[in-house]
Amino acid sequence: MPNPLQASQALASLVNHLTTAIVLVNARMEIVVLNLAAENLFRVSQHQMQLEPIGALLSLDPLLKRQLQHSSNHQQSFTSRDTQIQQANGHRIWVDLTVTTVDEQGSLALEIQPLERVKRLTLEARMTTQQQASSNLVRNLAHEIKNPLGGIRGAAQLLQRELNPSLHEFTDIIISEADRLRDLVDRLLGPQRQTQKQACNIHQILDKIDQLLRAEAGDQVQLIRDYDPSLPELLIDANQMTQVFLNVGRNALQALVEHQINGGHISLKTRAVRRFTIGNTCHRLVCCISISDNGPGIAADLKEDIFFPLVTHRAQGTGLGLSIAQSLIQQHQGLIECDSQKGQTCFNIYLPMENLP
């Protein structure tokens, strides 16, 4: 009768060539083999996990544990789709989990396909499509509004010349409101200036944002900088990126101040990320700029719409800041994502680092 350990090790040379994470366990639910993809996913080595219980690698809910044991006892395979598992370090990930029997002794092969990347790419594609459709609608509507606005303003100016000066306050209201609507329409149309990219130090831009937010926050909010000094210069438009970071940072500041969060803080963080996909392009290296706060979080019914024009949860907000930020980042072939829950909101801005000559 073949030794389960030897049989599993014989399979190791095969599974190591697979890009899907494979974990082989024996009938006692002890880890026998991790392929390279599994080592990368869980950030452990085969040597560390050899004959360790499966719980040392990942925490399964009671139902999945019973399913594993049943599969081992009765040599029955099963698949669990869109399942959340918890790694030993506490990090939760969504996966497709397929469990297959390996031999008659009850050894199992766990095939773990992470869904985080798939979910993110799907969400990114949907958001991009919706944002483009929304922007086209808004731009068409804005152009239609600007024409009659000009006529209203011109007519009010002509009327003002004919009226008694005591009535000029009313025509002044018409003119000022027409100007206010024109400015709003111009903002809806988005940035009018062409992107002018040049090599820039991203930390110098963030230092400027830090100074501006400190000036506005006073002693109400703490600003934290956490930079990766090894990052190279990026080929970006410094003015546009300043606007992006300032829009996001001010949103965080306003949320903390308006909700009077005790010990409120905003963090500006930079890191390099390897092999990151934006759209249809997998970049070897990208710069991730994270702007996070410990405020109340974004309402659940707004999370998926916050980058659309005119969407805001603030009474005094215009709902244009994040829409403009997303448009500017897309001009840099970048990506902006938001992860928010009560007590923690983080905007991650990804910019390619491969554009320098």
Foldseek 3Di string as FASTA:
>chain_A
DDDPLVLVVVCQVVCLPDLWWKFKAFLVQATRDTHPNVCVVQVHDRVVRHRNHPVQFWDDDPVVVVVLNVCLVPQDKDKDAQDWIAGNVGDIFTWIWIWGADDNRRMIMITTGTCPQVVVLVLLVVLVVVLVVLLVVLLVVLVVVLVVLVVQLVVLVVVLVVDDVVCNVVSVVSNVVSVVSNVLSVLSNADPDDWDWDWDDVVVLVVVLVVVLCVVCPPQEAEAEAEDVVAGTAGGRSVLVSLLVNLVQVVQSCQCVVVSDPHKYKYWYKDKDAQPDQNNDGARIKIKTKIKIQGQWDDPVCQSPLLRFQDDPDPPDRSRSNVNSQVRLVSQSKDWHWDIHGGMIMIIIIGHRPPDD
